[in-house]
């Protein structure tokens, strides 16, 4: 089941947090998603840094998922027909990984 999408602006509110080491990008981004949680998940997936040898992935919580590290606001409702274009809009070049995920299939799954 799909619903209308929104454009979300995600931005660092705690740029000095050590959690940013888990991300390849540390700045404002725009994501088209249906829900705030989905927008955060998409940013996390698009910007996650590969795990290094000896690193414990569970301890490397993404800054994009943390409300005390990254803020989020709705920019606007996406235009009609934009539902197929879910993912990171800005900065450009980061939606390739995100667009390969079938977000409808995992709707309702707590990532």
C-alpha atoms as a PDB file:
ATOM      1  CA  UNK A   1       0.000   0.000   0.000  1.00  0.00           C
ATOM      2  CA  UNK A   2       1.407   3.373  -0.948  1.00  0.00           C
ATOM      3  CA  UNK A   3       0.576   6.884   0.171  1.00  0.00           C
ATOM      4  CA  UNK A   4       1.458  10.394  -0.902  1.00  0.00           C
ATOM      5  CA  UNK A   5       5.073  11.373  -0.530  1.00  0.00           C
ATOM      6  CA  UNK A   6       6.593  14.458   1.057  1.00  0.00           C
ATOM      7  CA  UNK A   7       9.907  16.220   0.692  1.00  0.00           C
ATOM      8  CA  UNK A   8      11.812  16.263   3.962  1.00  0.00           C
ATOM      9  CA  UNK A   9      14.781  18.440   4.860  1.00  0.00           C
ATOM     10  CA  UNK A  10      17.235  16.697   7.170  1.00  0.00           C
ATOM     11  CA  UNK A  11      19.961  18.776   8.795  1.00  0.00           C
ATOM     12  CA  UNK A  12      22.626  18.408  11.482  1.00  0.00           C
ATOM     13  CA  UNK A  13      21.610  19.884  14.849  1.00  0.00           C
ATOM     14  CA  UNK A  14      24.590  18.395  16.670  1.00  0.00           C
ATOM     15  CA  UNK A  15      27.431  18.533  14.110  1.00  0.00           C
ATOM     16  CA  UNK A  16      30.046  17.651  16.740  1.00  0.00           C
ATOM     17  CA  UNK A  17      28.446  14.326  17.665  1.00  0.00           C
ATOM     18  CA  UNK A  18      30.790  11.348  17.279  1.00  0.00           C
ATOM     19  CA  UNK A  19      27.887   9.563  15.513  1.00  0.00           C
ATOM     20  CA  UNK A  20      28.783  11.457  12.324  1.00  0.00           C
ATOM     21  CA  UNK A  21      31.736   9.102  11.900  1.00  0.00           C
ATOM     22  CA  UNK A  22      29.174   6.513  10.699  1.00  0.00           C
ATOM     23  CA  UNK A  23      28.183   8.731   7.756  1.00  0.00           C
ATOM     24  CA  UNK A  24      29.962   9.594   4.513  1.00  0.00           C
ATOM     25  CA  UNK A  25      28.085  12.903   4.363  1.00  0.00           C
ATOM     26  CA  UNK A  26      27.621  15.545   7.051  1.00  0.00           C
ATOM     27  CA  UNK A  27      25.295  18.256   5.842  1.00  0.00           C
ATOM     28  CA  UNK A  28      21.773  19.165   4.870  1.00  0.00           C
ATOM     29  CA  UNK A  29      19.913  16.809   2.560  1.00  0.00           C
ATOM     30  CA  UNK A  30      16.485  16.563   0.970  1.00  0.00           C
ATOM     31  CA  UNK A  31      14.673  13.237   0.839  1.00  0.00           C
ATOM     32  CA  UNK A  32      11.377  12.312  -0.801  1.00  0.00           C
ATOM     33  CA  UNK A  33       9.530   9.781   1.350  1.00  0.00           C
ATOM     34  CA  UNK A  34       6.097   8.954   2.714  1.00  0.00           C
ATOM     35  CA  UNK A  35       6.986   9.136   6.404  1.00  0.00           C
ATOM     36  CA  UNK A  36       9.586  10.873   8.537  1.00  0.00           C
ATOM     37  CA  UNK A  37      11.030   7.524   9.619  1.00  0.00           C
ATOM     38  CA  UNK A  38      11.322   6.431   5.990  1.00  0.00           C
ATOM     39  CA  UNK A  39      13.172   9.671   5.139  1.00  0.00           C
ATOM     40  CA  UNK A  40      15.626   9.047   7.978  1.00  0.00           C
ATOM     41  CA  UNK A  41      16.121   5.427   6.877  1.00  0.00           C
ATOM     42  CA  UNK A  42      16.790   6.521   3.287  1.00  0.00           C
ATOM     43  CA  UNK A  43      19.379   9.092   4.380  1.00  0.00           C
ATOM     44  CA  UNK A  44      21.000   6.504   6.620  1.00  0.00           C
ATOM     45  CA  UNK A  45      21.185   3.979   3.795  1.00  0.00           C
ATOM     46  CA  UNK A  46      22.465   6.505   1.242  1.00  0.00           C
ATOM     47  CA  UNK A  47      25.232   7.884   3.459  1.00  0.00           C
ATOM     48  CA  UNK A  48      26.296   4.921   5.582  1.00  0.00           C
ATOM     49  CA  UNK A  49      30.021   4.409   5.785  1.00  0.00           C
ATOM     50  CA  UNK A  50      31.250   0.856   5.226  1.00  0.00           C
ATOM     51  CA  UNK A  51      32.123  -1.042   8.386  1.00  0.00           C
ATOM     52  CA  UNK A  52      35.862  -1.321   8.896  1.00  0.00           C
ATOM     53  CA  UNK A  53      37.655  -4.447  10.035  1.00  0.00           C
ATOM     54  CA  UNK A  54      37.220  -5.035  13.754  1.00  0.00           C
ATOM     55  CA  UNK A  55      34.391  -2.517  14.058  1.00  0.00           C
ATOM     56  CA  UNK A  56      31.168  -3.540  15.798  1.00  0.00           C
ATOM     57  CA  UNK A  57      28.299  -2.382  13.505  1.00  0.00           C
ATOM     58  CA  UNK A  58      25.742  -2.251  16.342  1.00  0.00           C
ATOM     59  CA  UNK A  59      27.829   0.394  18.087  1.00  0.00           C
ATOM     60  CA  UNK A  60      27.943   2.597  15.015  1.00  0.00           C
ATOM     61  CA  UNK A  61      24.455   4.116  15.178  1.00  0.00           C
ATOM     62  CA  UNK A  62      23.722   6.432  12.277  1.00  0.00           C
ATOM     63  CA  UNK A  63      23.340  10.151  12.988  1.00  0.00           C
ATOM     64  CA  UNK A  64      20.470  10.258  10.494  1.00  0.00           C
ATOM     65  CA  UNK A  65      18.325   8.112  12.798  1.00  0.00           C
ATOM     66  CA  UNK A  66      18.920  10.164  15.943  1.00  0.00           C
ATOM     67  CA  UNK A  67      16.562  13.048  16.695  1.00  0.00           C
ATOM     68  CA  UNK A  68      19.117  14.707  18.990  1.00  0.00           C
ATOM     69  CA  UNK A  69      21.748  14.723  16.223  1.00  0.00           C
ATOM     70  CA  UNK A  70      19.721  15.330  13.035  1.00  0.00           C
ATOM     71  CA  UNK A  71      16.654  17.519  12.701  1.00  0.00           C
ATOM     72  CA  UNK A  72      13.909  16.970  10.150  1.00  0.00           C
ATOM     73  CA  UNK A  73      11.131  19.104   8.723  1.00  0.00           C
ATOM     74  CA  UNK A  74       8.596  18.750   5.948  1.00  0.00           C
ATOM     75  CA  UNK A  75       9.444  21.015   3.044  1.00  0.00           C
ATOM     76  CA  UNK A  76       6.383  20.308   0.926  1.00  0.00           C
ATOM     77  CA  UNK A  77       4.094  17.658  -0.425  1.00  0.00           C
ATOM     78  CA  UNK A  78       5.668  16.022  -3.463  1.00  0.00           C
ATOM     79  CA  UNK A  79       4.088  16.640  -6.839  1.00  0.00           C
ATOM     80  CA  UNK A  80       1.621  14.144  -8.268  1.00  0.00           C
ATOM     81  CA  UNK A  81       3.362  11.167  -9.819  1.00  0.00           C
ATOM     82  CA  UNK A  82       6.473  11.701  -7.711  1.00  0.00           C
ATOM     83  CA  UNK A  83       5.862   8.578  -5.627  1.00  0.00           C
ATOM     84  CA  UNK A  84       8.042   6.495  -7.959  1.00  0.00           C
ATOM     85  CA  UNK A  85      10.928   8.877  -7.247  1.00  0.00           C
ATOM     86  CA  UNK A  86      11.355   8.173  -3.550  1.00  0.00           C
ATOM     87  CA  UNK A  87      14.843   8.738  -2.233  1.00  0.00           C
ATOM     88  CA  UNK A  88      17.575  11.296  -1.723  1.00  0.00           C
ATOM     89  CA  UNK A  89      17.038  14.329  -3.955  1.00  0.00           C
ATOM     90  CA  UNK A  90      19.843  16.523  -2.690  1.00  0.00           C
ATOM     91  CA  UNK A  91      22.804  16.260  -2.622  1.00  0.00           C
ATOM     92  CA  UNK A  92      22.785  14.706  -6.078  1.00  0.00           C
ATOM     93  CA  UNK A  93      24.358  11.358  -6.787  1.00  0.00           C
ATOM     94  CA  UNK A  94      23.264   9.562  -3.632  1.00  0.00           C
ATOM     95  CA  UNK A  95      19.955   8.050  -4.686  1.00  0.00           C
ATOM     96  CA  UNK A  96      21.356   5.086  -6.648  1.00  0.00           C
ATOM     97  CA  UNK A  97      21.639   2.820  -3.625  1.00  0.00           C
ATOM     98  CA  UNK A  98      18.329   3.999  -2.165  1.00  0.00           C
ATOM     99  CA  UNK A  99      16.299   3.585  -5.354  1.00  0.00           C
ATOM    100  CA  UNK A 100      17.219  -0.113  -5.579  1.00  0.00           C
ATOM    101  CA  UNK A 101      15.245  -0.829  -2.410  1.00  0.00           C
ATOM    102  CA  UNK A 102      11.587  -1.743  -2.741  1.00  0.00           C
ATOM    103  CA  UNK A 103      10.310   0.547   0.011  1.00  0.00           C
ATOM    104  CA  UNK A 104       6.735  -0.719  -0.487  1.00  0.00           C
ATOM    105  CA  UNK A 105       7.833  -4.247   0.379  1.00  0.00           C
ATOM    106  CA  UNK A 106       9.396  -3.174   3.635  1.00  0.00           C
ATOM    107  CA  UNK A 107       6.693  -0.669   4.597  1.00  0.00           C
ATOM    108  CA  UNK A 108       5.868  -1.225   8.235  1.00  0.00           C
ATOM    109  CA  UNK A 109       9.138  -2.993   8.949  1.00  0.00           C
ATOM    110  CA  UNK A 110      11.121  -1.270  11.662  1.00  0.00           C
ATOM    111  CA  UNK A 111      14.549  -0.836  10.155  1.00  0.00           C
END
